[in-house]
Amino acid sequence: MHVVIINGSPRTRQYSNTDKILEAFVKGLEKENVTFELYFLSSRKEWEPAREAYLSNEKIIFALPMYVESIPSLMLEFLDTLPSERQIPAELSFVLHGGFDEGYQFRLCEKLLKSITIQLGCDYGGCLIKGGSFMLRLFKSDQVEKMTKQYTKMGRSYASYGDFLTPEAKKFTGPERYPWLVRQIASLFLKLMVNKKFKQFATDWGCYKPLDHKPYNILEE
């Protein structure tokens, strides 16, 4: 099997969480001797070869971060250049990730991706969904590897089944919605720990004002 993988993130490879995820995912493909091509829409120089690969192959995966419960505008622009009819059949699958942890947060975007698949005249190969990736690019390499190693397993699963329509892929998302008590504890954790981490990032990046500073809020003056 040969797979065309297109990274739909607008971030350059260096800063792309999606790239970190794909690095782990393709390891799973390689372990099963599946060949692949990888393209990055953040570089417009790759758009034409990505289009050619999309049109001439049967197995295609778009990997993308969820932006405001939808897909990045850069990827939408690329999709708009693709024809709605194909000369050869194709199956279109997706790897969707984002900062939210609960599965229900991704369902609207999942429906949109399925609709786009139909509009492009392709068969739907499912959507591999996982949250909690917001801070991925800020972690050290060993932490990144720990967080993404589960994608290697799903790469091997895709190599075996050729899609993300399996029970294993559905289970991969995790909880659809956390219980009330867990949500309250998570909220407290965000206030105490995550905000502290953001302050440290801000200090490291040279910020000297508090994170809640509002320089343009004249109503408070």
N, C-alpha and C. Protein backbone atom coordinates (compact mmCIF):
# COMPACT_ATOMS: atom_id res chain seq x y z
N MET A 1 0.84 -1.20 0.00
CA MET A 1 0.00 0.00 0.00
C MET A 1 0.88 1.25 0.00
N HIS A 2 0.42 2.27 -0.72
CA HIS A 2 1.11 3.56 -0.78
C HIS A 2 0.12 4.65 -0.35
N VAL A 3 0.58 5.57 0.51
CA VAL A 3 -0.30 6.59 1.08
C VAL A 3 0.26 7.99 0.81
N VAL A 4 -0.63 8.89 0.39
CA VAL A 4 -0.28 10.30 0.27
C VAL A 4 -0.76 11.01 1.53
N ILE A 5 0.14 11.67 2.24
CA ILE A 5 -0.20 12.38 3.48
C ILE A 5 0.04 13.86 3.27
N ILE A 6 -0.97 14.67 3.54
CA ILE A 6 -0.87 16.12 3.37
C ILE A 6 -1.11 16.80 4.71
N ASN A 7 -0.10 17.53 5.17
CA ASN A 7 -0.19 18.29 6.42
C ASN A 7 -0.88 19.62 6.13
N GLY A 8 -2.10 19.78 6.65
CA GLY A 8 -2.90 20.97 6.37
C GLY A 8 -2.68 22.12 7.33
N SER A 9 -1.70 22.00 8.22
CA SER A 9 -1.45 23.08 9.19
C SER A 9 -0.79 24.28 8.51
N PRO A 10 -1.18 25.51 8.88
CA PRO A 10 -0.53 26.69 8.33
C PRO A 10 0.84 26.97 8.94
N ARG A 11 1.15 26.31 10.04
CA ARG A 11 2.45 26.52 10.66
C ARG A 11 3.56 25.83 9.86
N THR A 12 4.72 26.45 9.85
CA THR A 12 5.87 25.82 9.22
C THR A 12 6.24 24.57 10.00
N ARG A 13 6.97 23.71 9.35
CA ARG A 13 7.26 22.39 9.94
C ARG A 13 7.88 22.49 11.32
N GLN A 14 8.74 23.46 11.52
CA GLN A 14 9.44 23.61 12.80
C GLN A 14 8.48 23.83 13.96
N TYR A 15 7.39 24.56 13.71
CA TYR A 15 6.46 24.93 14.77
C TYR A 15 5.13 24.17 14.71
N SER A 16 5.05 23.17 13.88
CA SER A 16 3.80 22.46 13.65
C SER A 16 3.61 21.29 14.61
N ASN A 17 2.55 21.34 15.42
CA ASN A 17 2.19 20.19 16.24
C ASN A 17 1.79 19.00 15.36
N THR A 18 1.15 19.32 14.24
CA THR A 18 0.72 18.28 13.31
C THR A 18 1.92 17.49 12.79
N ASP A 19 3.02 18.18 12.54
CA ASP A 19 4.23 17.50 12.07
C ASP A 19 4.74 16.52 13.11
N LYS A 20 4.70 16.90 14.39
CA LYS A 20 5.16 16.00 15.46
C LYS A 20 4.31 14.74 15.49
N ILE A 21 3.01 14.92 15.28
CA ILE A 21 2.09 13.79 15.26
C ILE A 21 2.38 12.88 14.07
N LEU A 22 2.60 13.49 12.91
CA LEU A 22 2.85 12.69 11.71
C LEU A 22 4.18 11.95 11.78
N GLU A 23 5.16 12.54 12.44
CA GLU A 23 6.44 11.85 12.60
C GLU A 23 6.24 10.51 13.29
N ALA A 24 5.37 10.50 14.30
CA ALA A 24 5.07 9.26 15.01
C ALA A 24 4.20 8.34 14.17
N PHE A 25 3.23 8.90 13.48
CA PHE A 25 2.29 8.10 12.69
C PHE A 25 3.00 7.33 11.57
N VAL A 26 3.89 7.99 10.86
CA VAL A 26 4.55 7.33 9.73
C VAL A 26 5.52 6.25 10.20
N LYS A 27 5.98 6.33 11.45
CA LYS A 27 6.81 5.25 11.98
C LYS A 27 6.02 3.95 11.98
N GLY A 28 4.73 4.06 12.29
CA GLY A 28 3.87 2.89 12.26
C GLY A 28 3.70 2.35 10.86
N LEU A 29 3.58 3.24 9.88
CA LEU A 29 3.48 2.81 8.48
C LEU A 29 4.76 2.10 8.06
N GLU A 30 5.88 2.67 8.43
CA GLU A 30 7.17 2.09 8.03
C GLU A 30 7.38 0.70 8.64
N LYS A 31 6.90 0.52 9.87
CA LYS A 31 7.04 -0.79 10.51
C LYS A 31 6.25 -1.87 9.78
N GLU A 32 5.22 -1.45 9.04
CA GLU A 32 4.41 -2.40 8.27
C GLU A 32 4.76 -2.36 6.78
N ASN A 33 5.89 -1.72 6.46
CA ASN A 33 6.38 -1.65 5.07
C ASN A 33 5.41 -0.94 4.13
N VAL A 34 4.71 0.05 4.65
CA VAL A 34 3.83 0.88 3.83
C VAL A 34 4.61 2.11 3.39
N THR A 35 4.62 2.40 2.10
CA THR A 35 5.31 3.58 1.59
C THR A 35 4.38 4.79 1.64
N PHE A 36 4.97 5.98 1.66
CA PHE A 36 4.15 7.19 1.76
C PHE A 36 4.88 8.39 1.17
N GLU A 37 4.10 9.40 0.82
CA GLU A 37 4.61 10.71 0.43
C GLU A 37 4.03 11.72 1.42
N LEU A 38 4.84 12.71 1.80
CA LEU A 38 4.40 13.68 2.79
C LEU A 38 4.57 15.10 2.25
N TYR A 39 3.49 15.88 2.29
CA TYR A 39 3.50 17.25 1.78
C TYR A 39 3.03 18.22 2.86
N PHE A 40 3.54 19.47 2.78
CA PHE A 40 3.21 20.49 3.77
C PHE A 40 2.58 21.70 3.07
N LEU A 41 1.33 21.99 3.39
CA LEU A 41 0.65 23.11 2.75
C LEU A 41 1.18 24.45 3.23
N SER A 42 1.93 24.46 4.33
CA SER A 42 2.52 25.71 4.80
C SER A 42 3.54 26.24 3.80
N SER A 43 4.03 25.37 2.93
CA SER A 43 4.93 25.79 1.84
C SER A 43 4.16 25.72 0.53
N ARG A 44 3.86 26.85 -0.05
CA ARG A 44 3.08 26.86 -1.29
C ARG A 44 3.82 26.22 -2.46
N LYS A 45 5.13 26.07 -2.32
CA LYS A 45 5.90 25.39 -3.36
C LYS A 45 5.50 23.91 -3.46
N GLU A 46 4.92 23.39 -2.40
CA GLU A 46 4.53 21.98 -2.39
C GLU A 46 3.09 21.76 -2.84
N TRP A 47 2.36 22.83 -3.12
CA TRP A 47 0.95 22.67 -3.48
C TRP A 47 0.77 21.89 -4.78
N GLU A 48 1.55 22.21 -5.79
CA GLU A 48 1.37 21.55 -7.09
C GLU A 48 1.72 20.06 -7.00
N PRO A 49 2.88 19.69 -6.44
CA PRO A 49 3.14 18.25 -6.31
C PRO A 49 2.15 17.54 -5.39
N ALA A 50 1.63 18.25 -4.38
CA ALA A 50 0.62 17.66 -3.51
C ALA A 50 -0.67 17.39 -4.28
N ARG A 51 -1.05 18.33 -5.17
CA ARG A 51 -2.24 18.14 -6.01
C ARG A 51 -2.06 16.95 -6.94
N GLU A 52 -0.90 16.86 -7.55
CA GLU A 52 -0.62 15.75 -8.47
C GLU A 52 -0.68 14.41 -7.75
N ALA A 53 -0.11 14.37 -6.54
CA ALA A 53 -0.14 13.14 -5.75
C ALA A 53 -1.57 12.79 -5.34
N TYR A 54 -2.33 13.81 -4.97
CA TYR A 54 -3.73 13.61 -4.59
C TYR A 54 -4.54 13.01 -5.74
N LEU A 55 -4.31 13.49 -6.94
CA LEU A 55 -5.09 13.06 -8.10
C LEU A 55 -4.66 11.70 -8.65
N SER A 56 -3.46 11.27 -8.32
CA SER A 56 -2.94 10.04 -8.93
C SER A 56 -2.80 8.88 -7.96
N ASN A 57 -3.31 9.04 -6.74
CA ASN A 57 -3.22 7.96 -5.75
C ASN A 57 -4.59 7.65 -5.15
N GLU A 58 -4.70 6.45 -4.60
CA GLU A 58 -5.99 5.99 -4.09
C GLU A 58 -6.14 6.16 -2.57
N LYS A 59 -5.03 6.19 -1.85
CA LYS A 59 -5.08 6.33 -0.40
C LYS A 59 -4.51 7.70 -0.01
N ILE A 60 -5.36 8.55 0.59
CA ILE A 60 -4.95 9.92 0.90
C ILE A 60 -5.35 10.24 2.34
N ILE A 61 -4.43 10.86 3.06
CA ILE A 61 -4.71 11.31 4.42
C ILE A 61 -4.40 12.80 4.54
N PHE A 62 -5.36 13.57 5.03
CA PHE A 62 -5.11 14.96 5.41
C PHE A 62 -4.97 15.00 6.93
N ALA A 63 -3.89 15.59 7.42
CA ALA A 63 -3.69 15.78 8.86
C ALA A 63 -3.81 17.26 9.16
N LEU A 64 -4.56 17.60 10.20
CA LEU A 64 -4.83 19.01 10.45
C LEU A 64 -5.17 19.29 11.91
N PRO A 65 -4.88 20.52 12.35
CA PRO A 65 -5.34 20.95 13.67
C PRO A 65 -6.72 21.59 13.51
N MET A 66 -7.55 21.47 14.53
CA MET A 66 -8.85 22.11 14.49
C MET A 66 -8.71 23.58 14.86
N TYR A 67 -9.23 24.46 14.00
CA TYR A 67 -9.19 25.90 14.23
C TYR A 67 -10.61 26.42 14.41
N VAL A 68 -10.94 26.88 15.64
CA VAL A 68 -12.26 27.45 15.94
C VAL A 68 -13.36 26.49 15.46
N GLU A 69 -13.23 25.23 15.85
CA GLU A 69 -14.19 24.16 15.52
C GLU A 69 -14.31 23.93 14.01
N SER A 70 -13.31 24.33 13.25
CA SER A 70 -13.33 24.11 11.80
C SER A 70 -11.91 23.76 11.35
N ILE A 71 -11.65 23.93 10.06
CA ILE A 71 -10.33 23.58 9.52
C ILE A 71 -9.59 24.85 9.13
N PRO A 72 -8.26 24.81 9.09
CA PRO A 72 -7.48 26.01 8.77
C PRO A 72 -7.84 26.58 7.40
N SER A 73 -7.87 27.90 7.29
CA SER A 73 -8.23 28.56 6.03
C SER A 73 -7.26 28.21 4.91
N LEU A 74 -5.99 28.00 5.27
CA LEU A 74 -4.99 27.63 4.25
C LEU A 74 -5.35 26.30 3.61
N MET A 75 -5.80 25.36 4.42
CA MET A 75 -6.21 24.07 3.88
C MET A 75 -7.48 24.20 3.05
N LEU A 76 -8.40 25.05 3.49
CA LEU A 76 -9.61 25.29 2.70
C LEU A 76 -9.27 25.86 1.33
N GLU A 77 -8.29 26.75 1.30
CA GLU A 77 -7.86 27.34 0.04
C GLU A 77 -7.29 26.27 -0.88
N PHE A 78 -6.51 25.36 -0.32
CA PHE A 78 -5.96 24.27 -1.13
C PHE A 78 -7.07 23.34 -1.63
N LEU A 79 -8.00 22.99 -0.77
CA LEU A 79 -9.10 22.11 -1.16
C LEU A 79 -9.92 22.71 -2.30
N ASP A 80 -10.01 24.03 -2.30
CA ASP A 80 -10.79 24.72 -3.34
C ASP A 80 -10.14 24.59 -4.71
N THR A 81 -8.87 24.22 -4.74
CA THR A 81 -8.18 24.06 -6.04
C THR A 81 -8.34 22.64 -6.59
N LEU A 82 -8.94 21.75 -5.81
CA LEU A 82 -9.08 20.35 -6.23
C LEU A 82 -10.38 20.15 -7.00
N PRO A 83 -10.37 19.32 -8.03
CA PRO A 83 -11.59 19.06 -8.81
C PRO A 83 -12.57 18.21 -8.01
N SER A 84 -13.84 18.29 -8.37
CA SER A 84 -14.87 17.52 -7.68
C SER A 84 -15.06 16.14 -8.31
N GLU A 85 -14.37 15.88 -9.41
CA GLU A 85 -14.43 14.58 -10.06
C GLU A 85 -13.02 14.01 -10.21
N ARG A 86 -12.92 12.70 -10.14
CA ARG A 86 -11.62 12.04 -10.24
C ARG A 86 -11.63 11.02 -11.37
N GLN A 87 -10.46 10.81 -11.95
CA GLN A 87 -10.33 9.78 -12.98
C GLN A 87 -10.13 8.40 -12.36
N ILE A 88 -9.52 8.37 -11.17
CA ILE A 88 -9.38 7.10 -10.45
C ILE A 88 -10.03 7.25 -9.08
N PRO A 89 -10.62 6.18 -8.53
CA PRO A 89 -11.26 6.27 -7.22
C PRO A 89 -10.23 6.51 -6.12
N ALA A 90 -10.67 7.11 -5.05
CA ALA A 90 -9.76 7.38 -3.93
C ALA A 90 -10.53 7.34 -2.62
N GLU A 91 -9.81 7.01 -1.56
CA GLU A 91 -10.38 7.04 -0.21
C GLU A 91 -9.66 8.11 0.58
N LEU A 92 -10.44 9.01 1.15
CA LEU A 92 -9.90 10.16 1.86
C LEU A 92 -10.12 9.99 3.36
N SER A 93 -9.03 10.02 4.13
CA SER A 93 -9.09 9.89 5.59
C SER A 93 -8.45 11.13 6.23
N PHE A 94 -8.68 11.29 7.53
CA PHE A 94 -8.20 12.49 8.21
C PHE A 94 -7.61 12.15 9.58
N VAL A 95 -6.57 12.91 9.93
CA VAL A 95 -6.03 12.89 11.29
C VAL A 95 -6.30 14.28 11.85
N LEU A 96 -7.22 14.35 12.81
CA LEU A 96 -7.68 15.64 13.36
C LEU A 96 -7.27 15.73 14.82
N HIS A 97 -6.64 16.84 15.20
CA HIS A 97 -6.22 17.02 16.58
C HIS A 97 -6.45 18.46 17.01
N GLY A 98 -6.32 18.72 18.30
CA GLY A 98 -6.51 20.07 18.82
C GLY A 98 -6.25 20.13 20.31
N GLY A 99 -6.45 21.30 20.88
CA GLY A 99 -6.17 21.49 22.30
C GLY A 99 -7.22 20.90 23.22
N PHE A 100 -8.46 20.76 22.75
CA PHE A 100 -9.51 20.20 23.59
C PHE A 100 -9.25 18.73 23.88
N ASP A 101 -9.65 18.27 25.04
CA ASP A 101 -9.45 16.87 25.42
C ASP A 101 -10.65 15.98 25.11
N GLU A 102 -11.85 16.55 25.14
CA GLU A 102 -13.06 15.75 25.00
C GLU A 102 -13.46 15.57 23.53
N GLY A 103 -13.90 14.38 23.22
CA GLY A 103 -14.22 14.05 21.83
C GLY A 103 -15.33 14.88 21.23
N TYR A 104 -16.33 15.25 22.04
CA TYR A 104 -17.47 15.96 21.48
C TYR A 104 -17.09 17.31 20.89
N GLN A 105 -15.98 17.88 21.35
CA GLN A 105 -15.52 19.17 20.84
C GLN A 105 -15.15 19.11 19.35
N PHE A 106 -14.85 17.90 18.85
CA PHE A 106 -14.38 17.75 17.47
C PHE A 106 -15.47 17.30 16.50
N ARG A 107 -16.67 17.02 16.98
CA ARG A 107 -17.68 16.39 16.14
C ARG A 107 -18.17 17.27 15.00
N LEU A 108 -18.28 18.56 15.23
CA LEU A 108 -18.72 19.46 14.16
C LEU A 108 -17.71 19.47 13.02
N CYS A 109 -16.44 19.56 13.37
CA CYS A 109 -15.38 19.56 12.35
C CYS A 109 -15.34 18.21 11.64
N GLU A 110 -15.57 17.14 12.37
CA GLU A 110 -15.60 15.81 11.77
C GLU A 110 -16.68 15.72 10.69
N LYS A 111 -17.86 16.28 10.98
CA LYS A 111 -18.96 16.27 10.00
C LYS A 111 -18.58 17.07 8.76
N LEU A 112 -17.89 18.19 8.97
CA LEU A 112 -17.45 19.01 7.84
C LEU A 112 -16.48 18.24 6.95
N LEU A 113 -15.54 17.54 7.56
CA LEU A 113 -14.56 16.76 6.79
C LEU A 113 -15.23 15.65 5.99
N LYS A 114 -16.23 15.02 6.59
CA LYS A 114 -16.97 13.98 5.87
C LYS A 114 -17.72 14.57 4.68
N SER A 115 -18.29 15.77 4.88
CA SER A 115 -19.00 16.45 3.79
C SER A 115 -18.04 16.83 2.66
N ILE A 116 -16.86 17.32 3.02
CA ILE A 116 -15.85 17.68 2.03
C ILE A 116 -15.43 16.47 1.21
N THR A 117 -15.31 15.33 1.87
CA THR A 117 -14.94 14.09 1.17
C THR A 117 -15.94 13.78 0.05
N ILE A 118 -17.21 13.91 0.37
CA ILE A 118 -18.26 13.66 -0.63
C ILE A 118 -18.18 14.67 -1.77
N GLN A 119 -17.96 15.94 -1.43
CA GLN A 119 -17.86 16.99 -2.44
C GLN A 119 -16.69 16.76 -3.39
N LEU A 120 -15.65 16.13 -2.89
CA LEU A 120 -14.46 15.87 -3.71
C LEU A 120 -14.57 14.56 -4.48
N GLY A 121 -15.70 13.88 -4.33
CA GLY A 121 -15.92 12.64 -5.08
C GLY A 121 -15.11 11.46 -4.58
N CYS A 122 -14.77 11.47 -3.30
CA CYS A 122 -13.97 10.39 -2.72
C CYS A 122 -14.80 9.56 -1.75
N ASP A 123 -14.30 8.37 -1.44
CA ASP A 123 -14.88 7.57 -0.37
C ASP A 123 -14.30 8.03 0.95
N TYR A 124 -15.10 7.91 2.01
CA TYR A 124 -14.69 8.39 3.33
C TYR A 124 -14.00 7.26 4.10
N GLY A 125 -12.76 7.54 4.52
CA GLY A 125 -11.98 6.54 5.25
C GLY A 125 -11.91 6.78 6.74
N GLY A 126 -12.75 7.67 7.23
CA GLY A 126 -12.79 7.91 8.67
C GLY A 126 -11.87 9.03 9.13
N CYS A 127 -12.03 9.38 10.41
CA CYS A 127 -11.29 10.51 10.98
C CYS A 127 -10.69 10.07 12.31
N LEU A 128 -9.38 10.08 12.40
CA LEU A 128 -8.68 9.75 13.64
C LEU A 128 -8.59 11.01 14.49
N ILE A 129 -9.25 11.02 15.62
CA ILE A 129 -9.39 12.24 16.43
C ILE A 129 -8.69 12.07 17.78
N LYS A 130 -7.94 13.10 18.15
CA LYS A 130 -7.29 13.10 19.46
C LYS A 130 -7.06 14.53 19.91
N GLY A 131 -7.38 14.83 21.15
CA GLY A 131 -7.16 16.17 21.69
C GLY A 131 -5.90 16.24 22.53
N GLY A 132 -5.75 17.37 23.22
CA GLY A 132 -4.64 17.55 24.14
C GLY A 132 -3.30 17.85 23.50
N SER A 133 -3.29 18.37 22.28
CA SER A 133 -2.02 18.58 21.57
C SER A 133 -1.56 20.04 21.53
N PHE A 134 -2.26 20.91 22.24
CA PHE A 134 -1.98 22.35 22.14
C PHE A 134 -0.53 22.70 22.49
N MET A 135 0.01 22.09 23.53
CA MET A 135 1.34 22.46 24.02
C MET A 135 2.46 21.60 23.43
N LEU A 136 2.13 20.77 22.47
CA LEU A 136 3.06 19.75 21.99
C LEU A 136 4.40 20.33 21.54
N ARG A 137 4.38 21.38 20.74
CA ARG A 137 5.62 21.90 20.17
C ARG A 137 6.50 22.58 21.21
N LEU A 138 5.97 22.83 22.40
CA LEU A 138 6.73 23.51 23.43
C LEU A 138 7.46 22.53 24.35
N PHE A 139 7.19 21.23 24.19
CA PHE A 139 7.81 20.24 25.04
C PHE A 139 9.16 19.78 24.48
N LYS A 140 9.95 19.17 25.34
CA LYS A 140 11.23 18.61 24.92
C LYS A 140 10.98 17.31 24.14
N SER A 141 12.00 16.87 23.41
CA SER A 141 11.85 15.75 22.49
C SER A 141 11.37 14.47 23.19
N ASP A 142 11.87 14.21 24.40
CA ASP A 142 11.45 12.99 25.09
C ASP A 142 9.99 13.07 25.51
N GLN A 143 9.52 14.27 25.87
CA GLN A 143 8.11 14.45 26.22
C GLN A 143 7.23 14.32 24.99
N VAL A 144 7.69 14.86 23.87
CA VAL A 144 6.94 14.76 22.62
C VAL A 144 6.79 13.30 22.22
N GLU A 145 7.87 12.55 22.32
CA GLU A 145 7.84 11.14 21.95
C GLU A 145 6.86 10.36 22.84
N LYS A 146 6.82 10.70 24.12
CA LYS A 146 5.91 10.03 25.04
C LYS A 146 4.46 10.33 24.69
N MET A 147 4.19 11.58 24.29
CA MET A 147 2.82 11.98 23.97
C MET A 147 2.34 11.44 22.63
N THR A 148 3.25 11.24 21.69
CA THR A 148 2.84 10.88 20.33
C THR A 148 3.04 9.40 19.99
N LYS A 149 3.62 8.62 20.88
CA LYS A 149 3.90 7.23 20.54
C LYS A 149 2.64 6.43 20.22
N GLN A 150 1.49 6.87 20.77
CA GLN A 150 0.24 6.18 20.47
C GLN A 150 -0.14 6.33 19.00
N TYR A 151 0.35 7.39 18.35
CA TYR A 151 0.09 7.57 16.92
C TYR A 151 0.86 6.54 16.08
N THR A 152 1.98 6.08 16.59
CA THR A 152 2.72 5.03 15.89
C THR A 152 1.87 3.76 15.82
N LYS A 153 1.22 3.45 16.92
CA LYS A 153 0.33 2.29 16.96
C LYS A 153 -0.81 2.45 15.95
N MET A 154 -1.35 3.66 15.84
CA MET A 154 -2.44 3.89 14.90
C MET A 154 -1.95 3.89 13.45
N GLY A 155 -0.67 4.22 13.26
CA GLY A 155 -0.09 4.10 11.92
C GLY A 155 -0.05 2.64 11.49
N ARG A 156 0.27 1.77 12.42
CA ARG A 156 0.29 0.34 12.12
C ARG A 156 -1.14 -0.18 11.87
N SER A 157 -2.08 0.37 12.62
CA SER A 157 -3.48 -0.01 12.43
C SER A 157 -3.97 0.40 11.04
N TYR A 158 -3.62 1.63 10.63
CA TYR A 158 -4.02 2.10 9.30
C TYR A 158 -3.38 1.21 8.23
N ALA A 159 -2.15 0.81 8.45
CA ALA A 159 -1.47 -0.06 7.48
C ALA A 159 -2.19 -1.40 7.34
N SER A 160 -2.79 -1.85 8.43
CA SER A 160 -3.49 -3.14 8.41
C SER A 160 -4.87 -3.06 7.78
N TYR A 161 -5.61 -1.98 8.10
CA TYR A 161 -7.01 -1.88 7.67
C TYR A 161 -7.25 -0.88 6.53
N GLY A 162 -6.32 0.06 6.35
CA GLY A 162 -6.46 1.02 5.26
C GLY A 162 -7.42 2.15 5.51
N ASP A 163 -7.88 2.31 6.77
CA ASP A 163 -8.80 3.42 7.09
C ASP A 163 -8.84 3.62 8.60
N PHE A 164 -9.67 4.61 9.02
CA PHE A 164 -9.87 4.89 10.44
C PHE A 164 -11.32 4.58 10.86
N LEU A 165 -11.89 3.58 10.26
CA LEU A 165 -13.27 3.21 10.54
C LEU A 165 -13.36 2.05 11.53
N THR A 166 -12.25 1.72 12.15
CA THR A 166 -12.19 0.58 13.05
C THR A 166 -12.59 0.97 14.48
N PRO A 167 -13.02 0.00 15.30
CA PRO A 167 -13.28 0.28 16.71
C PRO A 167 -12.06 0.85 17.43
N GLU A 168 -10.88 0.39 17.03
CA GLU A 168 -9.64 0.88 17.62
C GLU A 168 -9.46 2.38 17.38
N ALA A 169 -9.77 2.83 16.16
CA ALA A 169 -9.65 4.25 15.84
C ALA A 169 -10.69 5.07 16.61
N LYS A 170 -11.88 4.52 16.78
CA LYS A 170 -12.92 5.23 17.53
C LYS A 170 -12.54 5.36 18.99
N LYS A 171 -11.97 4.30 19.55
CA LYS A 171 -11.56 4.30 20.95
C LYS A 171 -10.39 5.25 21.18
N PHE A 172 -9.60 5.48 20.16
CA PHE A 172 -8.40 6.32 20.25
C PHE A 172 -8.71 7.74 20.73
N THR A 173 -9.88 8.23 20.40
CA THR A 173 -10.26 9.61 20.77
C THR A 173 -10.26 9.82 22.26
N GLY A 174 -10.63 8.80 23.01
CA GLY A 174 -10.74 8.94 24.45
C GLY A 174 -12.17 9.29 24.85
N PRO A 175 -12.36 9.86 26.02
CA PRO A 175 -13.72 10.14 26.51
C PRO A 175 -14.44 11.17 25.65
N GLU A 176 -15.72 10.91 25.40
CA GLU A 176 -16.52 11.88 24.65
C GLU A 176 -16.75 13.14 25.48
N ARG A 177 -16.96 12.94 26.77
CA ARG A 177 -17.13 14.07 27.68
C ARG A 177 -16.78 13.61 29.10
N TYR A 178 -15.96 14.38 29.79
CA TYR A 178 -15.58 14.02 31.14
C TYR A 178 -16.74 14.20 32.11
N PRO A 179 -16.79 13.41 33.18
CA PRO A 179 -17.81 13.63 34.22
C PRO A 179 -17.65 15.01 34.86
N TRP A 180 -18.72 15.48 35.48
CA TRP A 180 -18.74 16.84 36.06
C TRP A 180 -17.58 17.05 37.02
N LEU A 181 -17.34 16.10 37.92
CA LEU A 181 -16.29 16.27 38.92
C LEU A 181 -14.92 16.39 38.27
N VAL A 182 -14.68 15.59 37.24
CA VAL A 182 -13.40 15.65 36.52
C VAL A 182 -13.22 17.01 35.86
N ARG A 183 -14.31 17.55 35.31
CA ARG A 183 -14.23 18.87 34.67
C ARG A 183 -13.89 19.96 35.68
N GLN A 184 -14.43 19.85 36.90
CA GLN A 184 -14.14 20.84 37.93
C GLN A 184 -12.68 20.76 38.37
N ILE A 185 -12.18 19.54 38.51
CA ILE A 185 -10.78 19.36 38.90
C ILE A 185 -9.85 19.88 37.80
N ALA A 186 -10.21 19.60 36.54
CA ALA A 186 -9.40 20.07 35.41
C ALA A 186 -9.39 21.60 35.37
N SER A 187 -10.53 22.21 35.66
CA SER A 187 -10.61 23.67 35.67
C SER A 187 -9.69 24.26 36.74
N LEU A 188 -9.69 23.63 37.89
CA LEU A 188 -8.81 24.08 38.97
C LEU A 188 -7.35 23.90 38.59
N PHE A 189 -7.04 22.77 37.94
CA PHE A 189 -5.67 22.51 37.49
C PHE A 189 -5.20 23.58 36.51
N LEU A 190 -6.11 23.96 35.59
CA LEU A 190 -5.76 24.99 34.61
C LEU A 190 -5.42 26.31 35.30
N LYS A 191 -6.19 26.66 36.30
CA LYS A 191 -5.96 27.92 37.00
C LYS A 191 -4.65 27.92 37.76
N LEU A 192 -4.33 26.78 38.37
CA LEU A 192 -3.16 26.73 39.25
C LEU A 192 -1.86 26.39 38.52
N MET A 193 -1.92 25.40 37.61
CA MET A 193 -0.70 24.88 37.02
C MET A 193 -0.43 25.42 35.61
N VAL A 194 -1.44 25.36 34.76
CA VAL A 194 -1.23 25.78 33.37
C VAL A 194 -0.94 27.27 33.28
N ASN A 195 -1.66 28.08 34.05
CA ASN A 195 -1.40 29.52 34.05
C ASN A 195 0.03 29.82 34.51
N LYS A 196 0.49 29.04 35.49
CA LYS A 196 1.87 29.19 35.97
C LYS A 196 2.86 28.87 34.86
N LYS A 197 2.55 27.84 34.08
CA LYS A 197 3.42 27.45 32.98
C LYS A 197 3.44 28.53 31.90
N PHE A 198 2.26 29.08 31.59
CA PHE A 198 2.19 30.15 30.59
C PHE A 198 3.01 31.36 31.03
N LYS A 199 2.97 31.68 32.31
CA LYS A 199 3.75 32.81 32.82
C LYS A 199 5.25 32.56 32.63
N GLN A 200 5.65 31.29 32.82
CA GLN A 200 7.06 30.95 32.63
C GLN A 200 7.46 31.09 31.17
N PHE A 201 6.57 30.63 30.25
CA PHE A 201 6.81 30.79 28.82
C PHE A 201 6.96 32.27 28.47
N ALA A 202 6.06 33.08 29.01
CA ALA A 202 6.08 34.52 28.71
C ALA A 202 7.39 35.16 29.18
N THR A 203 7.84 34.77 30.37
CA THR A 203 9.11 35.29 30.89
C THR A 203 10.28 34.87 30.01
N ASP A 204 10.27 33.60 29.59
CA ASP A 204 11.35 33.09 28.73
C ASP A 204 11.38 33.81 27.39
N TRP A 205 10.21 34.25 26.92
CA TRP A 205 10.11 34.93 25.62
C TRP A 205 10.31 36.45 25.73
N GLY A 206 10.65 36.93 26.93
CA GLY A 206 10.96 38.33 27.10
C GLY A 206 9.80 39.23 27.47
N CYS A 207 8.66 38.65 27.85
CA CYS A 207 7.51 39.47 28.27
C CYS A 207 7.73 39.97 29.70
N TYR A 208 7.40 41.22 29.94
CA TYR A 208 7.60 41.77 31.27
C TYR A 208 6.30 42.30 31.89
N LYS A 209 5.21 42.22 31.14
CA LYS A 209 3.90 42.62 31.66
C LYS A 209 3.11 41.38 32.08
N PRO A 210 2.19 41.51 33.05
CA PRO A 210 1.35 40.37 33.43
C PRO A 210 0.51 39.88 32.25
N LEU A 211 0.15 38.60 32.26
CA LEU A 211 -0.61 38.03 31.15
C LEU A 211 -2.00 38.65 31.02
N ASP A 212 -2.53 39.17 32.12
CA ASP A 212 -3.86 39.78 32.07
C ASP A 212 -3.79 41.30 31.87
N HIS A 213 -2.62 41.81 31.49
CA HIS A 213 -2.46 43.24 31.23
C HIS A 213 -3.33 43.68 30.05
N LYS A 214 -4.04 44.80 30.21
CA LYS A 214 -4.96 45.29 29.17
C LYS A 214 -4.60 46.74 28.81
N PRO A 215 -3.57 46.92 27.99
CA PRO A 215 -3.09 48.28 27.70
C PRO A 215 -4.08 49.14 26.91
N TYR A 216 -5.03 48.53 26.22
CA TYR A 216 -5.96 49.30 25.38
C TYR A 216 -7.36 49.40 25.99
N ASN A 217 -7.49 48.92 27.22
CA ASN A 217 -8.79 49.00 27.89
C ASN A 217 -8.92 50.35 28.60
N ILE A 218 -9.38 51.36 27.88
CA ILE A 218 -9.45 52.73 28.42
C ILE A 218 -10.53 52.87 29.47
N LEU A 219 -11.46 51.92 29.50
CA LEU A 219 -12.56 52.02 30.46
C LEU A 219 -12.08 51.83 31.88
N GLU A 220 -10.94 51.18 32.05
CA GLU A 220 -10.41 50.95 33.39
C GLU A 220 -9.50 52.08 33.85
N GLU A 221 -9.23 53.01 32.98
CA GLU A 221 -8.33 54.12 33.34
C GLU A 221 -9.11 55.26 34.00
